[in-house]
Amino acid sequence: MRNAAKFIAMAGVAMILLLSGAGLRAQDAASAPPPPPLAGHGHGHGPGRDEIRFLGFEAGLGEKTVTGAPFSASFSTESTETLADGNQIKHTSTGTIARDSQGRTRRDMTWPAFGPMAVAGRSAPPHVTFVNDPVAGTRYILEADTKTARQMPPPPNKAEFTRKAHTGGPGAEAADKETVTTSLGTQTIGGVTAEGTRYTRTIPAGQIGNVKPIVVVTERWYSSELQMVVMTKRSDPRSGDTVFQMTSIARTEPAASLFQVPADYTVAQTTAHARGAVRMAGPPPAEE
């Protein structure tokens, strides 16, 4: 059980470090819907890829601090991958998200056990909690199993990531030319009004070794009230279909205790080192 808890903690830490830099580009952006996905999106098995996308871009991890727009909501992410023989791999993750008037955020996520966690035979689904407090300048991963609060290091240099975001990555210019943008109007999602945009990218035959063109369709529904995306739908024949949606959105002030480290938790420091890996300060939990 301790091994599984450590695996969850390390996975969460890696996600935070990976995404804190990517989300920084939104700190200097206006309150507009995010751009379409560019070239280089990975694909593979397991729910991790979709949770990373939600935590980083859709849910605003590491993005600009939004004040004066408190809310709480539930969310779900469902992914379906169809194999060549017709078999399907499905994953569903659920959670809650809250933000107070000062811009502090909390995300609680539960997803099905997979990989080492499934082998460990956990009696309960893996659960991860992320707390970001821009007022105090602190970020934590809360581990309920061990009552440990992993304090995250500061995000990478803002200027460097902002520069890279504006210049684009490899293949960004080609992806822009291959993408057609369509307005979908507005609709109510989870109790708020959202504006929809469809991005249809056609990868020409032969570009990545593909015999026929590959069509990737992404829908993003952006709420100007919340200044964040409240629903996405992505269909990619290489990786399957993914749907993220926020529900039961309440525009009320969440309890202040949600953004605080519980009194009975032990705070442990984490530090970043080469290639975005992490190192835990202090001794690891005892092995069983």
C-alpha atoms as a PDB file:
ATOM      1  CA  MET A   1       0.000   0.000   0.000  1.00  0.00           C
ATOM      2  CA  ARG A   2       2.861   2.375   0.784  1.00  0.00           C
ATOM      3  CA  ASN A   3       4.418   1.601  -2.580  1.00  0.00           C
ATOM      4  CA  ALA A   4       1.185   2.550  -4.337  1.00  0.00           C
ATOM      5  CA  ALA A   5       0.953   5.778  -2.345  1.00  0.00           C
ATOM      6  CA  LYS A   6       4.508   6.708  -3.309  1.00  0.00           C
ATOM      7  CA  PHE A   7       3.769   5.976  -6.970  1.00  0.00           C
ATOM      8  CA  ILE A   8       0.772   8.318  -6.902  1.00  0.00           C
ATOM      9  CA  ALA A   9       2.810  11.039  -5.210  1.00  0.00           C
ATOM     10  CA  MET A  10       5.633  10.803  -7.719  1.00  0.00           C
ATOM     11  CA  ALA A  11       3.220  10.782 -10.653  1.00  0.00           C
ATOM     12  CA  GLY A  12       1.522  13.877  -9.286  1.00  0.00           C
ATOM     13  CA  VAL A  13       4.814  15.644  -8.712  1.00  0.00           C
ATOM     14  CA  ALA A  14       5.921  14.880 -12.244  1.00  0.00           C
ATOM     15  CA  MET A  15       2.663  16.258 -13.626  1.00  0.00           C
ATOM     16  CA  ILE A  16       3.028  19.492 -11.670  1.00  0.00           C
ATOM     17  CA  LEU A  17       6.596  20.059 -12.844  1.00  0.00           C
ATOM     18  CA  LEU A  18       5.772  19.176 -16.418  1.00  0.00           C
ATOM     19  CA  LEU A  19       2.785  21.486 -16.635  1.00  0.00           C
ATOM     20  CA  SER A  20       3.803  24.462 -14.528  1.00  0.00           C
ATOM     21  CA  GLY A  21       5.969  25.763 -17.340  1.00  0.00           C
ATOM     22  CA  ALA A  22       3.541  24.990 -20.153  1.00  0.00           C
ATOM     23  CA  GLY A  23       0.701  26.838 -18.451  1.00  0.00           C
ATOM     24  CA  LEU A  24       2.758  29.988 -17.900  1.00  0.00           C
ATOM     25  CA  ARG A  25       1.991  31.311 -21.365  1.00  0.00           C
ATOM     26  CA  ALA A  26      -1.533  32.140 -20.199  1.00  0.00           C
ATOM     27  CA  GLN A  27      -0.236  34.590 -17.572  1.00  0.00           C
ATOM     28  CA  ASP A  28       0.363  37.175 -20.292  1.00  0.00           C
ATOM     29  CA  ALA A  29      -2.638  36.261 -22.435  1.00  0.00           C
ATOM     30  CA  ALA A  30      -6.008  37.972 -22.569  1.00  0.00           C
ATOM     31  CA  SER A  31      -9.101  36.203 -21.331  1.00  0.00           C
ATOM     32  CA  ALA A  32      -9.685  34.370 -24.594  1.00  0.00           C
ATOM     33  CA  PRO A  33     -10.248  30.710 -25.418  1.00  0.00           C
ATOM     34  CA  PRO A  34      -7.027  28.720 -25.605  1.00  0.00           C
ATOM     35  CA  PRO A  35      -5.509  28.044 -29.030  1.00  0.00           C
ATOM     36  CA  PRO A  36      -5.994  24.733 -30.804  1.00  0.00           C
ATOM     37  CA  PRO A  37      -3.637  21.864 -29.987  1.00  0.00           C
ATOM     38  CA  LEU A  38      -0.423  22.044 -32.005  1.00  0.00           C
ATOM     39  CA  ALA A  39       1.784  19.330 -33.391  1.00  0.00           C
ATOM     40  CA  GLY A  40       3.507  17.021 -30.972  1.00  0.00           C
ATOM     41  CA  HIS A  41       0.617  15.798 -28.842  1.00  0.00           C
ATOM     42  CA  GLY A  42       1.571  12.376 -27.627  1.00  0.00           C
ATOM     43  CA  HIS A  43      -0.698   9.401 -27.618  1.00  0.00           C
ATOM     44  CA  GLY A  44      -0.666   6.129 -25.762  1.00  0.00           C
ATOM     45  CA  HIS A  45      -2.496   3.935 -23.315  1.00  0.00           C
ATOM     46  CA  GLY A  46      -3.732   4.833 -19.861  1.00  0.00           C
ATOM     47  CA  PRO A  47      -5.578   7.800 -18.361  1.00  0.00           C
ATOM     48  CA  GLY A  48      -2.432   9.772 -17.545  1.00  0.00           C
ATOM     49  CA  ARG A  49      -2.276  11.522 -20.950  1.00  0.00           C
ATOM     50  CA  ASP A  50      -5.780  12.937 -20.631  1.00  0.00           C
ATOM     51  CA  GLU A  51      -5.429  13.961 -17.003  1.00  0.00           C
ATOM     52  CA  ILE A  52      -2.228  15.785 -17.896  1.00  0.00           C
ATOM     53  CA  ARG A  53      -4.060  17.664 -20.651  1.00  0.00           C
ATOM     54  CA  PHE A  54      -6.836  18.623 -18.236  1.00  0.00           C
ATOM     55  CA  LEU A  55      -4.525  19.645 -15.403  1.00  0.00           C
ATOM     56  CA  GLY A  56      -2.263  21.688 -17.620  1.00  0.00           C
ATOM     57  CA  PHE A  57      -4.325  23.486 -20.228  1.00  0.00           C
ATOM     58  CA  GLU A  58      -8.029  22.906 -19.687  1.00  0.00           C
ATOM     59  CA  ALA A  59      -8.005  23.336 -15.896  1.00  0.00           C
ATOM     60  CA  GLY A  60      -5.508  26.156 -15.799  1.00  0.00           C
ATOM     61  CA  LEU A  61      -2.711  24.682 -13.680  1.00  0.00           C
ATOM     62  CA  GLY A  62       0.073  27.252 -13.507  1.00  0.00           C
ATOM     63  CA  GLU A  63      -1.889  29.798 -15.514  1.00  0.00           C
ATOM     64  CA  LYS A  64      -2.661  33.407 -14.583  1.00  0.00           C
ATOM     65  CA  THR A  65      -4.284  33.985 -11.225  1.00  0.00           C
ATOM     66  CA  VAL A  66      -8.017  34.623 -11.651  1.00  0.00           C
ATOM     67  CA  THR A  67      -9.514  36.650  -8.802  1.00  0.00           C
ATOM     68  CA  GLY A  68     -13.079  37.669  -8.070  1.00  0.00           C
ATOM     69  CA  ALA A  69     -14.581  34.611  -9.793  1.00  0.00           C
ATOM     70  CA  PRO A  70     -15.010  31.929  -7.125  1.00  0.00           C
ATOM     71  CA  PHE A  71     -16.642  28.603  -7.950  1.00  0.00           C
ATOM     72  CA  SER A  72     -16.671  24.888  -7.241  1.00  0.00           C
ATOM     73  CA  ALA A  73     -17.549  22.075  -9.642  1.00  0.00           C
ATOM     74  CA  SER A  74     -17.272  18.395 -10.438  1.00  0.00           C
ATOM     75  CA  PHE A  75     -15.562  17.086 -13.540  1.00  0.00           C
ATOM     76  CA  SER A  76     -15.027  13.853 -15.432  1.00  0.00           C
ATOM     77  CA  THR A  77     -12.663  12.684 -18.136  1.00  0.00           C
ATOM     78  CA  GLU A  78     -13.567   9.696 -20.299  1.00  0.00           C
ATOM     79  CA  SER A  79     -11.238   8.192 -22.879  1.00  0.00           C
ATOM     80  CA  THR A  80     -11.975   5.420 -25.356  1.00  0.00           C
ATOM     81  CA  GLU A  81      -9.340   3.832 -27.575  1.00  0.00           C
ATOM     82  CA  THR A  82     -10.412   1.330 -30.244  1.00  0.00           C
ATOM     83  CA  LEU A  83      -7.779  -1.229 -31.223  1.00  0.00           C
ATOM     84  CA  ALA A  84      -7.250  -2.688 -34.680  1.00  0.00           C
ATOM     85  CA  ASP A  85      -9.100  -5.896 -33.737  1.00  0.00           C
ATOM     86  CA  GLY A  86     -12.141  -3.944 -32.544  1.00  0.00           C
ATOM     87  CA  ASN A  87     -11.273  -4.270 -28.858  1.00  0.00           C
ATOM     88  CA  GLN A  88     -11.590  -1.108 -26.767  1.00  0.00           C
ATOM     89  CA  ILE A  89      -9.665   0.369 -23.850  1.00  0.00           C
ATOM     90  CA  LYS A  90     -11.754   2.704 -21.709  1.00  0.00           C
ATOM     91  CA  HIS A  91     -10.785   4.877 -18.752  1.00  0.00           C
ATOM     92  CA  THR A  92     -12.863   7.243 -16.633  1.00  0.00           C
ATOM     93  CA  SER A  93     -11.549   9.651 -14.051  1.00  0.00           C
ATOM     94  CA  THR A  94     -13.561  11.987 -11.862  1.00  0.00           C
ATOM     95  CA  GLY A  95     -12.870  14.792  -9.465  1.00  0.00           C
ATOM     96  CA  THR A  96     -13.715  18.210  -8.122  1.00  0.00           C
ATOM     97  CA  ILE A  97     -12.211  21.646  -8.612  1.00  0.00           C
ATOM     98  CA  ALA A  98     -12.600  24.823  -6.578  1.00  0.00           C
ATOM     99  CA  ARG A  99     -11.277  28.393  -6.754  1.00  0.00           C
ATOM    100  CA  ASP A 100     -11.774  31.185  -4.233  1.00  0.00           C
ATOM    101  CA  SER A 101     -11.984  34.947  -4.733  1.00  0.00           C
ATOM    102  CA  GLN A 102      -8.242  35.320  -4.156  1.00  0.00           C
ATOM    103  CA  GLY A 103      -7.393  32.915  -6.974  1.00  0.00           C
ATOM    104  CA  ARG A 104      -6.395  29.942  -4.839  1.00  0.00           C
ATOM    105  CA  THR A 105      -7.294  26.607  -6.430  1.00  0.00           C
ATOM    106  CA  ARG A 106      -7.784  23.019  -5.349  1.00  0.00           C
ATOM    107  CA  ARG A 107      -8.191  19.935  -7.544  1.00  0.00           C
ATOM    108  CA  ASP A 108      -9.141  16.508  -6.256  1.00  0.00           C
ATOM    109  CA  MET A 109      -8.831  13.673  -8.774  1.00  0.00           C
ATOM    110  CA  THR A 110      -9.747  10.006  -8.652  1.00  0.00           C
ATOM    111  CA  TRP A 111      -8.919   7.657 -11.503  1.00  0.00           C
ATOM    112  CA  PRO A 112      -8.936   3.896 -12.078  1.00  0.00           C
ATOM    113  CA  ALA A 113      -5.902   1.936 -10.957  1.00  0.00           C
ATOM    114  CA  PHE A 114      -3.548   1.072 -13.814  1.00  0.00           C
ATOM    115  CA  GLY A 115      -0.006  -0.199 -14.230  1.00  0.00           C
ATOM    116  CA  PRO A 116       1.874  -0.590 -10.911  1.00  0.00           C
ATOM    117  CA  MET A 117      -1.147   0.693  -8.976  1.00  0.00           C
ATOM    118  CA  ALA A 118      -3.384  -2.057 -10.348  1.00  0.00           C
ATOM    119  CA  VAL A 119      -0.778  -4.681  -9.518  1.00  0.00           C
ATOM    120  CA  ALA A 120      -0.558  -3.326  -5.970  1.00  0.00           C
ATOM    121  CA  GLY A 121      -4.233  -4.249  -5.533  1.00  0.00           C
ATOM    122  CA  ARG A 122      -5.439  -1.033  -3.922  1.00  0.00           C
ATOM    123  CA  SER A 123      -8.788  -1.368  -2.163  1.00  0.00           C
ATOM    124  CA  ALA A 124      -9.724   2.211  -3.134  1.00  0.00           C
ATOM    125  CA  PRO A 125      -9.180   4.119  -6.398  1.00  0.00           C
ATOM    126  CA  PRO A 126      -6.041   6.309  -6.518  1.00  0.00           C
ATOM    127  CA  HIS A 127      -6.729   9.842  -5.296  1.00  0.00           C
ATOM    128  CA  VAL A 128      -4.582  12.945  -5.742  1.00  0.00           C
ATOM    129  CA  THR A 129      -5.131  16.476  -4.393  1.00  0.00           C
ATOM    130  CA  PHE A 130      -3.408  19.584  -5.789  1.00  0.00           C
ATOM    131  CA  VAL A 131      -3.537  22.904  -3.910  1.00  0.00           C
ATOM    132  CA  ASN A 132      -2.163  26.114  -5.422  1.00  0.00           C
ATOM    133  CA  ASP A 133      -2.035  29.274  -3.289  1.00  0.00           C
ATOM    134  CA  PRO A 134      -0.734  32.248  -5.336  1.00  0.00           C
ATOM    135  CA  VAL A 135      -1.301  34.544  -2.341  1.00  0.00           C
ATOM    136  CA  ALA A 136       1.207  32.665  -0.194  1.00  0.00           C
ATOM    137  CA  GLY A 137       3.229  31.546  -3.216  1.00  0.00           C
ATOM    138  CA  THR A 138       2.923  27.852  -2.325  1.00  0.00           C
ATOM    139  CA  ARG A 139       1.780  24.694  -4.120  1.00  0.00           C
ATOM    140  CA  TYR A 140       1.150  21.308  -2.546  1.00  0.00           C
ATOM    141  CA  ILE A 141       0.257  17.739  -3.385  1.00  0.00           C
ATOM    142  CA  LEU A 142      -1.749  16.288  -0.491  1.00  0.00           C
ATOM    143  CA  GLU A 143      -1.395  12.559   0.196  1.00  0.00           C
ATOM    144  CA  ALA A 144      -4.319  11.344   2.282  1.00  0.00           C
ATOM    145  CA  ASP A 145      -2.816   7.858   2.755  1.00  0.00           C
ATOM    146  CA  THR A 146       0.321   9.151   4.446  1.00  0.00           C
ATOM    147  CA  LYS A 147      -1.017  12.530   5.646  1.00  0.00           C
ATOM    148  CA  THR A 148       1.829  14.226   3.824  1.00  0.00           C
ATOM    149  CA  ALA A 149       1.792  17.581   2.034  1.00  0.00           C
ATOM    150  CA  ARG A 150       4.449  17.656  -0.696  1.00  0.00           C
ATOM    151  CA  GLN A 151       5.431  21.299  -1.196  1.00  0.00           C
ATOM    152  CA  MET A 152       6.315  21.960  -4.819  1.00  0.00           C
ATOM    153  CA  PRO A 153       9.251  24.090  -5.965  1.00  0.00           C
ATOM    154  CA  PRO A 154       8.594  27.422  -7.725  1.00  0.00           C
ATOM    155  CA  PRO A 155       7.596  27.131 -11.406  1.00  0.00           C
ATOM    156  CA  PRO A 156      10.270  27.481 -14.114  1.00  0.00           C
ATOM    157  CA  ASN A 157      11.329  30.872 -15.421  1.00  0.00           C
ATOM    158  CA  LYS A 158       8.240  32.639 -16.742  1.00  0.00           C
ATOM    159  CA  ALA A 159       9.997  34.704 -19.410  1.00  0.00           C
ATOM    160  CA  GLU A 160      11.620  31.665 -21.028  1.00  0.00           C
ATOM    161  CA  PHE A 161       8.386  29.702 -21.329  1.00  0.00           C
ATOM    162  CA  THR A 162       6.465  32.756 -22.527  1.00  0.00           C
ATOM    163  CA  ARG A 163       9.065  33.257 -25.271  1.00  0.00           C
ATOM    164  CA  LYS A 164       8.818  29.624 -26.365  1.00  0.00           C
ATOM    165  CA  ALA A 165       5.012  29.774 -26.337  1.00  0.00           C
ATOM    166  CA  HIS A 166       5.007  32.748 -28.715  1.00  0.00           C
ATOM    167  CA  THR A 167       7.602  31.288 -31.072  1.00  0.00           C
ATOM    168  CA  GLY A 168       5.899  27.884 -31.126  1.00  0.00           C
ATOM    169  CA  GLY A 169       7.410  24.427 -31.047  1.00  0.00           C
ATOM    170  CA  PRO A 170       8.539  22.128 -33.839  1.00  0.00           C
ATOM    171  CA  GLY A 171       5.810  21.719 -36.449  1.00  0.00           C
ATOM    172  CA  ALA A 172       3.670  24.534 -35.013  1.00  0.00           C
ATOM    173  CA  GLU A 173       3.566  26.533 -38.256  1.00  0.00           C
ATOM    174  CA  ALA A 174       2.649  23.465 -40.307  1.00  0.00           C
ATOM    175  CA  ALA A 175      -0.061  22.506 -37.814  1.00  0.00           C
ATOM    176  CA  ASP A 176      -1.576  25.983 -38.049  1.00  0.00           C
ATOM    177  CA  LYS A 177      -1.823  25.681 -41.827  1.00  0.00           C
ATOM    178  CA  GLU A 178      -3.465  22.264 -41.526  1.00  0.00           C
ATOM    179  CA  THR A 179      -6.086  23.427 -39.016  1.00  0.00           C
ATOM    180  CA  VAL A 180      -9.540  24.803 -39.846  1.00  0.00           C
ATOM    181  CA  THR A 181     -11.314  26.752 -37.075  1.00  0.00           C
ATOM    182  CA  THR A 182     -15.112  26.767 -36.823  1.00  0.00           C
ATOM    183  CA  SER A 183     -17.275  28.700 -34.353  1.00  0.00           C
ATOM    184  CA  LEU A 184     -19.924  26.570 -32.638  1.00  0.00           C
ATOM    185  CA  GLY A 185     -21.823  29.399 -30.967  1.00  0.00           C
ATOM    186  CA  THR A 186     -22.756  29.275 -27.286  1.00  0.00           C
ATOM    187  CA  GLN A 187     -24.458  26.814 -24.978  1.00  0.00           C
ATOM    188  CA  THR A 188     -24.946  26.275 -21.260  1.00  0.00           C
ATOM    189  CA  ILE A 189     -22.556  23.729 -19.736  1.00  0.00           C
ATOM    190  CA  GLY A 190     -22.685  22.872 -16.067  1.00  0.00           C
ATOM    191  CA  GLY A 191     -24.743  25.984 -15.384  1.00  0.00           C
ATOM    192  CA  VAL A 192     -22.544  28.572 -17.146  1.00  0.00           C
ATOM    193  CA  THR A 193     -22.549  29.978 -20.671  1.00  0.00           C
ATOM    194  CA  ALA A 194     -19.690  28.748 -22.820  1.00  0.00           C
ATOM    195  CA  GLU A 195     -18.482  29.605 -26.325  1.00  0.00           C
ATOM    196  CA  GLY A 196     -17.533  26.673 -28.504  1.00  0.00           C
ATOM    197  CA  THR A 197     -14.817  26.361 -31.120  1.00  0.00           C
ATOM    198  CA  ARG A 198     -14.017  23.344 -33.295  1.00  0.00           C
ATOM    199  CA  TYR A 199     -10.469  22.813 -34.555  1.00  0.00           C
ATOM    200  CA  THR A 200     -10.165  20.341 -37.432  1.00  0.00           C
ATOM    201  CA  ARG A 201      -6.612  19.427 -38.302  1.00  0.00           C
ATOM    202  CA  THR A 202      -5.870  17.294 -41.357  1.00  0.00           C
ATOM    203  CA  ILE A 203      -2.410  15.747 -41.424  1.00  0.00           C
ATOM    204  CA  PRO A 204      -1.565  15.151 -45.097  1.00  0.00           C
ATOM    205  CA  ALA A 205      -0.738  11.672 -46.330  1.00  0.00           C
ATOM    206  CA  GLY A 206       2.947  10.883 -45.984  1.00  0.00           C
ATOM    207  CA  GLN A 207       3.744  13.603 -43.454  1.00  0.00           C
ATOM    208  CA  ILE A 208       4.349  11.186 -40.574  1.00  0.00           C
ATOM    209  CA  GLY A 209       4.466   7.993 -42.608  1.00  0.00           C
ATOM    210  CA  ASN A 210       0.680   7.817 -42.898  1.00  0.00           C
ATOM    211  CA  VAL A 211      -0.743   6.301 -46.088  1.00  0.00           C
ATOM    212  CA  LYS A 212      -3.951   8.346 -45.887  1.00  0.00           C
ATOM    213  CA  PRO A 213      -4.720  11.768 -44.377  1.00  0.00           C
ATOM    214  CA  ILE A 214      -5.359  11.797 -40.616  1.00  0.00           C
ATOM    215  CA  VAL A 215      -8.157  14.028 -39.309  1.00  0.00           C
ATOM    216  CA  VAL A 216      -7.987  15.185 -35.682  1.00  0.00           C
ATOM    217  CA  VAL A 217     -11.020  17.077 -34.352  1.00  0.00           C
ATOM    218  CA  THR A 218     -11.005  19.034 -31.091  1.00  0.00           C
ATOM    219  CA  GLU A 219     -13.929  20.955 -29.577  1.00  0.00           C
ATOM    220  CA  ARG A 220     -13.296  23.420 -26.756  1.00  0.00           C
ATOM    221  CA  TRP A 221     -16.006  25.205 -24.814  1.00  0.00           C
ATOM    222  CA  TYR A 222     -14.719  28.281 -22.981  1.00  0.00           C
ATOM    223  CA  SER A 223     -16.528  30.171 -20.224  1.00  0.00           C
ATOM    224  CA  SER A 224     -15.629  33.852 -19.991  1.00  0.00           C
ATOM    225  CA  GLU A 225     -17.354  33.916 -16.584  1.00  0.00           C
ATOM    226  CA  LEU A 226     -14.877  31.420 -15.167  1.00  0.00           C
ATOM    227  CA  GLN A 227     -12.051  32.291 -17.596  1.00  0.00           C
ATOM    228  CA  MET A 228     -11.417  28.628 -18.296  1.00  0.00           C
ATOM    229  CA  VAL A 229     -12.467  25.743 -20.499  1.00  0.00           C
ATOM    230  CA  VAL A 230     -15.446  23.789 -19.151  1.00  0.00           C
ATOM    231  CA  MET A 231     -15.667  21.046 -21.792  1.00  0.00           C
ATOM    232  CA  THR A 232     -13.428  19.511 -24.435  1.00  0.00           C
ATOM    233  CA  LYS A 233     -13.983  16.743 -26.948  1.00  0.00           C
ATOM    234  CA  ARG A 234     -11.053  15.312 -28.862  1.00  0.00           C
ATOM    235  CA  SER A 235     -11.145  12.651 -31.560  1.00  0.00           C
ATOM    236  CA  ASP A 236      -7.845  11.336 -32.890  1.00  0.00           C
ATOM    237  CA  PRO A 237      -7.715   8.025 -34.829  1.00  0.00           C
ATOM    238  CA  ARG A 238      -4.212   7.442 -33.393  1.00  0.00           C
ATOM    239  CA  SER A 239      -5.287   7.605 -29.755  1.00  0.00           C
ATOM    240  CA  GLY A 240      -9.090   7.479 -29.607  1.00  0.00           C
ATOM    241  CA  ASP A 241     -11.751   9.777 -28.200  1.00  0.00           C
ATOM    242  CA  THR A 242     -11.523  11.864 -25.035  1.00  0.00           C
ATOM    243  CA  VAL A 243     -14.254  13.922 -23.382  1.00  0.00           C
ATOM    244  CA  PHE A 244     -13.638  16.256 -20.441  1.00  0.00           C
ATOM    245  CA  GLN A 245     -16.594  18.066 -18.874  1.00  0.00           C
ATOM    246  CA  MET A 246     -17.298  20.162 -15.803  1.00  0.00           C
ATOM    247  CA  THR A 247     -20.691  19.737 -14.122  1.00  0.00           C
ATOM    248  CA  SER A 248     -22.614  21.172 -11.164  1.00  0.00           C
ATOM    249  CA  ILE A 249     -20.766  24.479 -11.294  1.00  0.00           C
ATOM    250  CA  ALA A 250     -21.624  26.593  -8.229  1.00  0.00           C
ATOM    251  CA  ARG A 251     -20.658  30.282  -8.291  1.00  0.00           C
ATOM    252  CA  THR A 252     -20.199  30.531  -4.519  1.00  0.00           C
ATOM    253  CA  GLU A 253     -17.173  31.043  -2.264  1.00  0.00           C
ATOM    254  CA  PRO A 254     -15.594  27.693  -1.299  1.00  0.00           C
ATOM    255  CA  ALA A 255     -14.571  27.011   2.297  1.00  0.00           C
ATOM    256  CA  ALA A 256     -11.173  28.522   3.141  1.00  0.00           C
ATOM    257  CA  SER A 257     -10.050  25.217   4.676  1.00  0.00           C
ATOM    258  CA  LEU A 258      -9.957  23.618   1.213  1.00  0.00           C
ATOM    259  CA  PHE A 259      -6.856  25.630   0.348  1.00  0.00           C
ATOM    260  CA  GLN A 260      -4.957  24.968   3.573  1.00  0.00           C
ATOM    261  CA  VAL A 261      -2.711  22.087   4.584  1.00  0.00           C
ATOM    262  CA  PRO A 262      -4.548  20.065   7.280  1.00  0.00           C
ATOM    263  CA  ALA A 263      -3.062  20.492  10.754  1.00  0.00           C
ATOM    264  CA  ASP A 264      -2.294  16.773  11.098  1.00  0.00           C
ATOM    265  CA  TYR A 265      -0.294  16.624   7.830  1.00  0.00           C
ATOM    266  CA  THR A 266       3.503  16.624   7.640  1.00  0.00           C
ATOM    267  CA  VAL A 267       4.996  19.048   5.120  1.00  0.00           C
ATOM    268  CA  ALA A 268       7.786  17.610   2.935  1.00  0.00           C
ATOM    269  CA  GLN A 269       9.836  19.615   0.459  1.00  0.00           C
ATOM    270  CA  THR A 270      10.467  18.624  -3.163  1.00  0.00           C
ATOM    271  CA  THR A 271      13.186  19.997  -5.392  1.00  0.00           C
ATOM    272  CA  ALA A 272      13.595  19.963  -9.157  1.00  0.00           C
ATOM    273  CA  HIS A 273      16.754  18.756 -10.846  1.00  0.00           C
ATOM    274  CA  ALA A 274      17.919  17.638 -14.279  1.00  0.00           C
ATOM    275  CA  ARG A 275      15.344  17.160 -17.066  1.00  0.00           C
ATOM    276  CA  GLY A 276      12.326  17.981 -14.906  1.00  0.00           C
ATOM    277  CA  ALA A 277      12.713  15.028 -12.540  1.00  0.00           C
ATOM    278  CA  VAL A 278      12.030  15.505  -8.850  1.00  0.00           C
ATOM    279  CA  ARG A 279      13.764  14.698  -5.622  1.00  0.00           C
ATOM    280  CA  MET A 280      11.936  14.290  -2.332  1.00  0.00           C
ATOM    281  CA  ALA A 281      13.545  15.996   0.667  1.00  0.00           C
ATOM    282  CA  GLY A 282      13.772  13.813   3.725  1.00  0.00           C
ATOM    283  CA  PRO A 283      13.495  10.026   4.038  1.00  0.00           C
ATOM    284  CA  PRO A 284      10.893   8.190   1.933  1.00  0.00           C
ATOM    285  CA  PRO A 285       8.020   6.311   3.605  1.00  0.00           C
ATOM    286  CA  ALA A 286       8.971   2.992   5.151  1.00  0.00           C
ATOM    287  CA  GLU A 287       8.605  -0.044   2.924  1.00  0.00           C
ATOM    288  CA  GLU A 288       6.120  -2.738   3.825  1.00  0.00           C
END
